[in-house]
PDB file of N, CA and C in Angstrom:
ATOM      1  N   UNK A   1     166.094 176.330 126.559  1.00  0.00           N
ATOM      2  CA  UNK A   1     165.778 175.246 125.677  1.00  0.00           C
ATOM      3  C   UNK A   1     166.747 175.265 124.506  1.00  0.00           C
ATOM      4  N   UNK A   2     167.291 174.095 124.168  1.00  0.00           N
ATOM      5  CA  UNK A   2     168.275 174.029 123.101  1.00  0.00           C
ATOM      6  C   UNK A   2     167.636 174.053 121.726  1.00  0.00           C
ATOM      7  N   UNK A   3     166.330 173.697 121.633  1.00  0.00           N
ATOM      8  CA  UNK A   3     165.676 173.628 120.334  1.00  0.00           C
ATOM      9  C   UNK A   3     165.056 174.947 119.888  1.00  0.00           C
ATOM     10  N   UNK A   4     165.101 175.977 120.713  1.00  0.00           N
ATOM     11  CA  UNK A   4     164.470 177.228 120.311  1.00  0.00           C
ATOM     12  C   UNK A   4     165.362 178.409 120.669  1.00  0.00           C
ATOM     13  N   UNK A   5     165.117 179.516 119.972  1.00  0.00           N
ATOM     14  CA  UNK A   5     165.826 180.747 120.268  1.00  0.00           C
ATOM     15  C   UNK A   5     165.186 181.399 121.491  1.00  0.00           C
ATOM     16  N   UNK A   6     165.700 182.485 121.898  1.00  0.00           N
ATOM     17  CA  UNK A   6     165.188 183.159 123.086  1.00  0.00           C
ATOM     18  C   UNK A   6     163.738 183.595 122.963  1.00  0.00           C
ATOM     19  N   UNK A   7     163.284 183.869 121.746  1.00  0.00           N
ATOM     20  CA  UNK A   7     161.904 184.350 121.600  1.00  0.00           C
ATOM     21  C   UNK A   7     160.907 183.211 121.379  1.00  0.00           C
ATOM     22  N   UNK A   8     161.340 181.949 121.427  1.00  0.00           N
ATOM     23  CA  UNK A   8     160.428 180.813 121.304  1.00  0.00           C
ATOM     24  C   UNK A   8     160.331 180.247 119.914  1.00  0.00           C
ATOM     25  N   UNK A   9     160.973 180.862 118.922  1.00  0.00           N
ATOM     26  CA  UNK A   9     160.925 180.310 117.569  1.00  0.00           C
ATOM     27  C   UNK A   9     161.946 179.183 117.465  1.00  0.00           C
ATOM     28  N   UNK A  10     161.659 178.184 116.650  1.00  0.00           N
ATOM     29  CA  UNK A  10     162.606 177.063 116.523  1.00  0.00           C
ATOM     30  C   UNK A  10     163.951 177.532 115.983  1.00  0.00           C
ATOM     31  N   UNK A  11     165.030 176.966 116.496  1.00  0.00           N
ATOM     32  CA  UNK A  11     166.366 177.332 116.051  1.00  0.00           C
ATOM     33  C   UNK A  11     166.607 176.856 114.629  1.00  0.00           C
ATOM     34  N   UNK A  12     166.090 175.699 114.281  1.00  0.00           N
ATOM     35  CA  UNK A  12     166.245 175.149 112.936  1.00  0.00           C
ATOM     36  C   UNK A  12     164.865 174.792 112.419  1.00  0.00           C
ATOM     37  N   UNK A  13     164.485 175.376 111.343  1.00  0.00           N
ATOM     38  CA  UNK A  13     163.153 175.106 110.813  1.00  0.00           C
ATOM     39  C   UNK A  13     163.154 173.770 110.074  1.00  0.00           C
ATOM     40  N   UNK A  14     162.034 173.089 110.154  1.00  0.00           N
ATOM     41  CA  UNK A  14     161.891 171.833 109.430  1.00  0.00           C
ATOM     42  C   UNK A  14     162.310 170.614 110.218  1.00  0.00           C
ATOM     43  N   UNK A  15     162.985 170.775 111.317  1.00  0.00           N
ATOM     44  CA  UNK A  15     163.417 169.626 112.102  1.00  0.00           C
ATOM     45  C   UNK A  15     162.471 169.431 113.276  1.00  0.00           C
ATOM     46  N   UNK A  16     162.142 168.222 113.545  1.00  0.00           N
ATOM     47  CA  UNK A  16     161.286 167.921 114.692  1.00  0.00           C
ATOM     48  C   UNK A  16     162.110 167.183 115.719  1.00  0.00           C
ATOM     49  N   UNK A  17     161.636 167.185 116.924  1.00  0.00           N
ATOM     50  CA  UNK A  17     162.356 166.503 117.986  1.00  0.00           C
ATOM     51  C   UNK A  17     162.030 165.022 118.029  1.00  0.00           C
ATOM     52  N   UNK A  18     160.985 164.601 117.307  1.00  0.00           N
ATOM     53  CA  UNK A  18     160.626 163.193 117.291  1.00  0.00           C
ATOM     54  C   UNK A  18     161.548 162.441 116.332  1.00  0.00           C
ATOM     55  N   UNK A  19     161.845 161.212 116.675  1.00  0.00           N
ATOM     56  CA  UNK A  19     162.655 160.382 115.783  1.00  0.00           C
ATOM     57  C   UNK A  19     161.746 159.481 114.976  1.00  0.00           C
ATOM     58  N   UNK A  20     162.208 159.086 113.831  1.00  0.00           N
ATOM     59  CA  UNK A  20     161.436 158.187 112.973  1.00  0.00           C
ATOM     60  C   UNK A  20     161.362 156.813 113.623  1.00  0.00           C
ATOM     61  N   UNK A  21     160.281 156.099 113.412  1.00  0.00           N
ATOM     62  CA  UNK A  21     160.183 154.754 113.985  1.00  0.00           C
ATOM     63  C   UNK A  21     161.218 153.830 113.361  1.00  0.00           C
ATOM     64  N   UNK A  22     161.643 152.861 114.125  1.00  0.00           N
ATOM     65  CA  UNK A  22     162.635 151.892 113.656  1.00  0.00           C
ATOM     66  C   UNK A  22     161.972 150.959 112.658  1.00  0.00           C
ATOM     67  N   UNK A  23     162.467 150.956 111.407  1.00  0.00           N
ATOM     68  CA  UNK A  23     161.860 150.150 110.359  1.00  0.00           C
ATOM     69  C   UNK A  23     162.653 148.890 110.061  1.00  0.00           C
ATOM     70  N   UNK A  24     163.658 148.590 110.860  1.00  0.00           N
ATOM     71  CA  UNK A  24     164.447 147.388 110.608  1.00  0.00           C
ATOM     72  C   UNK A  24     163.626 146.151 110.955  1.00  0.00           C
ATOM     73  N   UNK A  25     163.975 145.051 110.317  1.00  0.00           N
ATOM     74  CA  UNK A  25     163.227 143.821 110.548  1.00  0.00           C
ATOM     75  C   UNK A  25     163.435 143.331 111.976  1.00  0.00           C
ATOM     76  N   UNK A  26     162.439 142.664 112.541  1.00  0.00           N
ATOM     77  CA  UNK A  26     162.596 142.127 113.897  1.00  0.00           C
ATOM     78  C   UNK A  26     163.692 141.060 113.927  1.00  0.00           C
ATOM     79  N   UNK A  27     164.445 141.034 114.985  1.00  0.00           N
ATOM     80  CA  UNK A  27     165.504 140.045 115.137  1.00  0.00           C
ATOM     81  C   UNK A  27     166.811 140.437 114.481  1.00  0.00           C
ATOM     82  N   UNK A  28     166.897 141.627 113.913  1.00  0.00           N
ATOM     83  CA  UNK A  28     168.129 142.067 113.261  1.00  0.00           C
ATOM     84  C   UNK A  28     169.197 142.326 114.303  1.00  0.00           C
ATOM     85  N   UNK A  29     170.424 141.955 113.967  1.00  0.00           N
ATOM     86  CA  UNK A  29     171.536 142.194 114.871  1.00  0.00           C
ATOM     87  C   UNK A  29     171.799 143.684 114.978  1.00  0.00           C
ATOM     88  N   UNK A  30     172.071 144.145 116.175  1.00  0.00           N
ATOM     89  CA  UNK A  30     172.349 145.565 116.363  1.00  0.00           C
ATOM     90  C   UNK A  30     173.762 145.912 115.914  1.00  0.00           C
ATOM     91  N   UNK A  31     174.703 145.036 116.165  1.00  0.00           N
ATOM     92  CA  UNK A  31     176.094 145.285 115.785  1.00  0.00           C
ATOM     93  C   UNK A  31     176.489 144.289 114.705  1.00  0.00           C
ATOM     94  N   UNK A  32     176.919 144.803 113.587  1.00  0.00           N
ATOM     95  CA  UNK A  32     177.375 143.965 112.485  1.00  0.00           C
ATOM     96  C   UNK A  32     178.872 144.167 112.349  1.00  0.00           C
ATOM     97  N   UNK A  33     179.582 143.084 112.116  1.00  0.00           N
ATOM     98  CA  UNK A  33     181.026 143.152 111.965  1.00  0.00           C
ATOM     99  C   UNK A  33     181.388 144.077 110.802  1.00  0.00           C
ATOM    100  N   UNK A  34     182.358 144.976 110.989  1.00  0.00           N
ATOM    101  CA  UNK A  34     182.746 145.882 109.899  1.00  0.00           C
ATOM    102  C   UNK A  34     183.258 145.150 108.667  1.00  0.00           C
ATOM    103  N   UNK A  35     183.785 143.948 108.829  1.00  0.00           N
ATOM    104  CA  UNK A  35     184.262 143.194 107.674  1.00  0.00           C
ATOM    105  C   UNK A  35     183.110 142.721 106.798  1.00  0.00           C
ATOM    106  N   UNK A  36     181.917 142.567 107.366  1.00  0.00           N
ATOM    107  CA  UNK A  36     180.784 142.063 106.594  1.00  0.00           C
ATOM    108  C   UNK A  36     180.060 143.148 105.817  1.00  0.00           C
ATOM    109  N   UNK A  37     180.213 144.391 106.201  1.00  0.00           N
ATOM    110  CA  UNK A  37     179.442 145.460 105.569  1.00  0.00           C
ATOM    111  C   UNK A  37     179.707 145.546 104.066  1.00  0.00           C
ATOM    112  N   UNK A  38     180.974 145.540 103.581  1.00  0.00           N
ATOM    113  CA  UNK A  38     181.162 145.573 102.119  1.00  0.00           C
ATOM    114  C   UNK A  38     180.575 144.348 101.427  1.00  0.00           C
ATOM    115  N   UNK A  39     180.610 143.198 102.076  1.00  0.00           N
ATOM    116  CA  UNK A  39     180.058 141.993 101.467  1.00  0.00           C
ATOM    117  C   UNK A  39     178.544 142.073 101.368  1.00  0.00           C
ATOM    118  N   UNK A  40     177.916 142.635 102.392  1.00  0.00           N
ATOM    119  CA  UNK A  40     176.465 142.725 102.384  1.00  0.00           C
ATOM    120  C   UNK A  40     175.974 143.797 101.413  1.00  0.00           C
ATOM    121  N   UNK A  41     176.749 144.844 101.210  1.00  0.00           N
ATOM    122  CA  UNK A  41     176.323 145.927 100.331  1.00  0.00           C
ATOM    123  C   UNK A  41     176.572 145.625  98.863  1.00  0.00           C
ATOM    124  N   UNK A  42     177.671 144.923  98.551  1.00  0.00           N
ATOM    125  CA  UNK A  42     178.002 144.664  97.157  1.00  0.00           C
ATOM    126  C   UNK A  42     178.610 143.269  97.025  1.00  0.00           C
ATOM    127  N   UNK A  43     177.777 142.239  96.973  1.00  0.00           N
ATOM    128  CA  UNK A  43     178.335 140.883  96.887  1.00  0.00           C
ATOM    129  C   UNK A  43     179.050 140.619  95.561  1.00  0.00           C
ATOM    130  N   UNK A  44     178.789 141.407  94.525  1.00  0.00           N
ATOM    131  CA  UNK A  44     179.447 141.187  93.243  1.00  0.00           C
ATOM    132  C   UNK A  44     180.910 141.619  93.274  1.00  0.00           C
ATOM    133  N   UNK A  45     181.319 142.396  94.268  1.00  0.00           N
ATOM    134  CA  UNK A  45     182.693 142.869  94.350  1.00  0.00           C
ATOM    135  C   UNK A  45     183.639 141.805  94.899  1.00  0.00           C
ATOM    136  N   UNK A  46     183.108 140.711  95.347  1.00  0.00           N
ATOM    137  CA  UNK A  46     183.940 139.652  95.917  1.00  0.00           C
ATOM    138  C   UNK A  46     184.589 138.875  94.772  1.00  0.00           C
ATOM    139  N   UNK A  47     185.880 138.683  94.874  1.00  0.00           N
ATOM    140  CA  UNK A  47     186.572 137.890  93.861  1.00  0.00           C
ATOM    141  C   UNK A  47     186.524 136.426  94.251  1.00  0.00           C
ATOM    142  N   UNK A  48     185.987 135.616  93.362  1.00  0.00           N
ATOM    143  CA  UNK A  48     185.927 134.179  93.595  1.00  0.00           C
ATOM    144  C   UNK A  48     187.033 133.550  92.762  1.00  0.00           C
ATOM    145  N   UNK A  49     187.955 132.818  93.404  1.00  0.00           N
ATOM    146  CA  UNK A  49     189.056 132.233  92.636  1.00  0.00           C
ATOM    147  C   UNK A  49     188.531 131.185  91.661  1.00  0.00           C
ATOM    148  N   UNK A  50     189.192 131.046  90.526  1.00  0.00           N
ATOM    149  CA  UNK A  50     188.747 130.032  89.564  1.00  0.00           C
ATOM    150  C   UNK A  50     188.964 128.638  90.141  1.00  0.00           C
ATOM    151  N   UNK A  51     188.221 127.710  89.594  1.00  0.00           N
ATOM    152  CA  UNK A  51     188.356 126.335  90.069  1.00  0.00           C
ATOM    153  C   UNK A  51     189.745 125.805  89.719  1.00  0.00           C
ATOM    154  N   UNK A  52     190.498 125.529  90.750  1.00  0.00           N
ATOM    155  CA  UNK A  52     191.833 124.970  90.559  1.00  0.00           C
ATOM    156  C   UNK A  52     191.741 123.464  90.732  1.00  0.00           C
ATOM    157  N   UNK A  53     192.579 122.723  90.045  1.00  0.00           N
ATOM    158  CA  UNK A  53     192.553 121.275  90.257  1.00  0.00           C
ATOM    159  C   UNK A  53     192.920 120.952  91.699  1.00  0.00           C
ATOM    160  N   UNK A  54     192.239 119.995  92.247  1.00  0.00           N
ATOM    161  CA  UNK A  54     192.470 119.635  93.642  1.00  0.00           C
ATOM    162  C   UNK A  54     193.780 118.879  93.789  1.00  0.00           C
ATOM    163  N   UNK A  55     194.405 119.081  94.914  1.00  0.00           N
ATOM    164  CA  UNK A  55     195.624 118.340  95.215  1.00  0.00           C
ATOM    165  C   UNK A  55     195.253 116.866  95.389  1.00  0.00           C
ATOM    166  N   UNK A  56     196.197 115.955  95.180  1.00  0.00           N
ATOM    167  CA  UNK A  56     195.871 114.523  95.275  1.00  0.00           C
ATOM    168  C   UNK A  56     195.285 114.136  96.638  1.00  0.00           C
ATOM    169  N   UNK A  57     195.745 114.778  97.713  1.00  0.00           N
ATOM    170  CA  UNK A  57     195.211 114.396  99.022  1.00  0.00           C
ATOM    171  C   UNK A  57     193.797 114.928  99.246  1.00  0.00           C
ATOM    172  N   UNK A  58     193.355 115.877  98.391  1.00  0.00           N
ATOM    173  CA  UNK A  58     192.006 116.421  98.517  1.00  0.00           C
ATOM    174  C   UNK A  58     191.117 116.039  97.334  1.00  0.00           C
ATOM    175  N   UNK A  59     191.581 115.121  96.512  1.00  0.00           N
ATOM    176  CA  UNK A  59     190.789 114.706  95.362  1.00  0.00           C
ATOM    177  C   UNK A  59     189.539 113.978  95.844  1.00  0.00           C
ATOM    178  N   UNK A  60     188.486 114.078  95.066  1.00  0.00           N
ATOM    179  CA  UNK A  60     187.221 113.469  95.453  1.00  0.00           C
ATOM    180  C   UNK A  60     187.312 111.954  95.331  1.00  0.00           C
ATOM    181  N   UNK A  61     186.825 111.288  96.355  1.00  0.00           N
ATOM    182  CA  UNK A  61     186.803 109.829  96.366  1.00  0.00           C
ATOM    183  C   UNK A  61     185.495 109.377  95.744  1.00  0.00           C
ATOM    184  N   UNK A  62     185.563 108.757  94.590  1.00  0.00           N
ATOM    185  CA  UNK A  62     184.357 108.335  93.881  1.00  0.00           C
ATOM    186  C   UNK A  62     183.613 107.232  94.627  1.00  0.00           C
ATOM    187  N   UNK A  63     184.295 106.457  95.444  1.00  0.00           N
ATOM    188  CA  UNK A  63     183.651 105.368  96.172  1.00  0.00           C
ATOM    189  C   UNK A  63     183.351 105.742  97.623  1.00  0.00           C
ATOM    190  N   UNK A  64     183.433 107.011  97.952  1.00  0.00           N
ATOM    191  CA  UNK A  64     183.221 107.442  99.331  1.00  0.00           C
ATOM    192  C   UNK A  64     181.847 107.077  99.860  1.00  0.00           C
ATOM    193  N   UNK A  65     180.810 107.260  99.063  1.00  0.00           N
ATOM    194  CA  UNK A  65     179.453 106.942  99.511  1.00  0.00           C
ATOM    195  C   UNK A  65     179.296 105.439  99.723  1.00  0.00           C
ATOM    196  N   UNK A  66     179.851 104.648  98.814  1.00  0.00           N
ATOM    197  CA  UNK A  66     179.740 103.190  98.946  1.00  0.00           C
ATOM    198  C   UNK A  66     180.494 102.699 100.181  1.00  0.00           C
ATOM    199  N   UNK A  67     181.647 103.300 100.447  1.00  0.00           N
ATOM    200  CA  UNK A  67     182.399 102.921 101.645  1.00  0.00           C
ATOM    201  C   UNK A  67     181.607 103.253 102.905  1.00  0.00           C
ATOM    202  N   UNK A  68     180.926 104.380 102.913  1.00  0.00           N
ATOM    203  CA  UNK A  68     180.111 104.754 104.063  1.00  0.00           C
ATOM    204  C   UNK A  68     178.968 103.793 104.281  1.00  0.00           C
ATOM    205  N   UNK A  69     178.339 103.349 103.205  1.00  0.00           N
ATOM    206  CA  UNK A  69     177.234 102.389 103.330  1.00  0.00           C
ATOM    207  C   UNK A  69     177.742 101.070 103.871  1.00  0.00           C
ATOM    208  N   UNK A  70     178.879 100.616 103.377  1.00  0.00           N
ATOM    209  CA  UNK A  70     179.446  99.343 103.856  1.00  0.00           C
ATOM    210  C   UNK A  70     179.780  99.433 105.332  1.00  0.00           C
ATOM    211  N   UNK A  71     180.403 100.528 105.765  1.00  0.00           N
ATOM    212  CA  UNK A  71     180.744 100.687 107.181  1.00  0.00           C
ATOM    213  C   UNK A  71     179.473 100.733 108.020  1.00  0.00           C
ATOM    214  N   UNK A  72     178.449 101.424 107.552  1.00  0.00           N
ATOM    215  CA  UNK A  72     177.190 101.489 108.293  1.00  0.00           C
ATOM    216  C   UNK A  72     176.543 100.129 108.445  1.00  0.00           C
ATOM    217  N   UNK A  73     176.537  99.355 107.381  1.00  0.00           N
ATOM    218  CA  UNK A  73     175.945  98.009 107.448  1.00  0.00           C
ATOM    219  C   UNK A  73     176.741  97.125 108.402  1.00  0.00           C
ATOM    220  N   UNK A  74     178.064  97.198 108.326  1.00  0.00           N
ATOM    221  CA  UNK A  74     178.886  96.373 109.219  1.00  0.00           C
ATOM    222  C   UNK A  74     178.705  96.764 110.686  1.00  0.00           C
ATOM    223  N   UNK A  75     178.438  98.012 110.954  1.00  0.00           N
ATOM    224  CA  UNK A  75     178.210  98.434 112.337  1.00  0.00           C
ATOM    225  C   UNK A  75     176.813  98.088 112.827  1.00  0.00           C
ATOM    226  N   UNK A  76     175.841  98.002 111.934  1.00  0.00           N
ATOM    227  CA  UNK A  76     174.462  97.746 112.332  1.00  0.00           C
ATOM    228  C   UNK A  76     174.157  96.257 112.464  1.00  0.00           C
ATOM    229  N   UNK A  77     174.841  95.411 111.731  1.00  0.00           N
ATOM    230  CA  UNK A  77     174.568  93.970 111.774  1.00  0.00           C
ATOM    231  C   UNK A  77     174.669  93.406 113.193  1.00  0.00           C
ATOM    232  N   UNK A  78     175.722  93.677 113.960  1.00  0.00           N
ATOM    233  CA  UNK A  78     175.765  93.123 115.317  1.00  0.00           C
ATOM    234  C   UNK A  78     174.606  93.615 116.199  1.00  0.00           C
ATOM    235  N   UNK A  79     174.193  94.854 116.028  1.00  0.00           N
ATOM    236  CA  UNK A  79     173.081  95.377 116.817  1.00  0.00           C
ATOM    237  C   UNK A  79     171.800  94.598 116.530  1.00  0.00           C
ATOM    238  N   UNK A  80     171.477  94.411 115.239  1.00  0.00           N
ATOM    239  CA  UNK A  80     170.247  93.707 114.913  1.00  0.00           C
ATOM    240  C   UNK A  80     170.340  92.228 115.261  1.00  0.00           C
ATOM    241  N   UNK A  81     171.526  91.648 115.232  1.00  0.00           N
ATOM    242  CA  UNK A  81     171.677  90.255 115.692  1.00  0.00           C
ATOM    243  C   UNK A  81     171.381  90.154 117.183  1.00  0.00           C
ATOM    244  N   UNK A  82     171.866  91.115 117.966  1.00  0.00           N
ATOM    245  CA  UNK A  82     171.561  91.115 119.402  1.00  0.00           C
ATOM    246  C   UNK A  82     170.073  91.331 119.658  1.00  0.00           C
ATOM    247  N   UNK A  83     169.430  92.182 118.893  1.00  0.00           N
ATOM    248  CA  UNK A  83     167.984  92.395 119.049  1.00  0.00           C
ATOM    249  C   UNK A  83     167.241  91.113 118.702  1.00  0.00           C
ATOM    250  N   UNK A  84     167.616  90.453 117.614  1.00  0.00           N
ATOM    251  CA  UNK A  84     166.944  89.201 117.207  1.00  0.00           C
ATOM    252  C   UNK A  84     167.182  88.120 118.264  1.00  0.00           C
ATOM    253  N   UNK A  85     168.410  87.997 118.779  1.00  0.00           N
ATOM    254  CA  UNK A  85     168.673  86.992 119.817  1.00  0.00           C
ATOM    255  C   UNK A  85     167.893  87.293 121.090  1.00  0.00           C
ATOM    256  N   UNK A  86     167.767  88.576 121.445  1.00  0.00           N
ATOM    257  CA  UNK A  86     167.001  88.947 122.623  1.00  0.00           C
ATOM    258  C   UNK A  86     165.528  88.604 122.487  1.00  0.00           C
ATOM    259  N   UNK A  87     164.960  88.849 121.306  1.00  0.00           N
ATOM    260  CA  UNK A  87     163.551  88.499 121.079  1.00  0.00           C
ATOM    261  C   UNK A  87     163.387  86.985 121.082  1.00  0.00           C
ATOM    262  N   UNK A  88     164.298  86.275 120.450  1.00  0.00           N
ATOM    263  CA  UNK A  88     164.219  84.806 120.392  1.00  0.00           C
ATOM    264  C   UNK A  88     164.333  84.215 121.802  1.00  0.00           C
ATOM    265  N   UNK A  89     165.216  84.789 122.598  1.00  0.00           N
ATOM    266  CA  UNK A  89     165.401  84.295 123.967  1.00  0.00           C
ATOM    267  C   UNK A  89     164.160  84.624 124.827  1.00  0.00           C
ATOM    268  N   UNK A  90     163.567  85.829 124.635  1.00  0.00           N
ATOM    269  CA  UNK A  90     162.404  86.229 125.424  1.00  0.00           C
ATOM    270  C   UNK A  90     161.169  85.420 125.041  1.00  0.00           C
ATOM    271  N   UNK A  91     161.012  85.067 123.783  1.00  0.00           N
ATOM    272  CA  UNK A  91     159.824  84.327 123.317  1.00  0.00           C
ATOM    273  C   UNK A  91     160.025  82.836 123.521  1.00  0.00           C
ATOM    274  N   UNK A  92     161.237  82.375 123.291  1.00  0.00           N
ATOM    275  CA  UNK A  92     161.503  80.923 123.277  1.00  0.00           C
ATOM    276  C   UNK A  92     161.577  80.328 124.588  1.00  0.00           C
TER     277      UNK A  92
END
């Protein structure tokens, strides 16, 4: 037996052959990327670059939301016209 000496006494006192139960949360990944370990242990060590002015091609478009609404309305109008014509044709 590897855990005991020849006379039956334990080779190392204080150690048991049982392992501690797994206390990790359910669903935890078994393998974590080595690049993520420093980030997960000390998120304050990450250097965040200061806000730099955006290049002209990446500048925020102030009318972007309005343009999206206009495009959406223009795409939906023909659909609802066809639905209205279909109902009018089916009823009329």
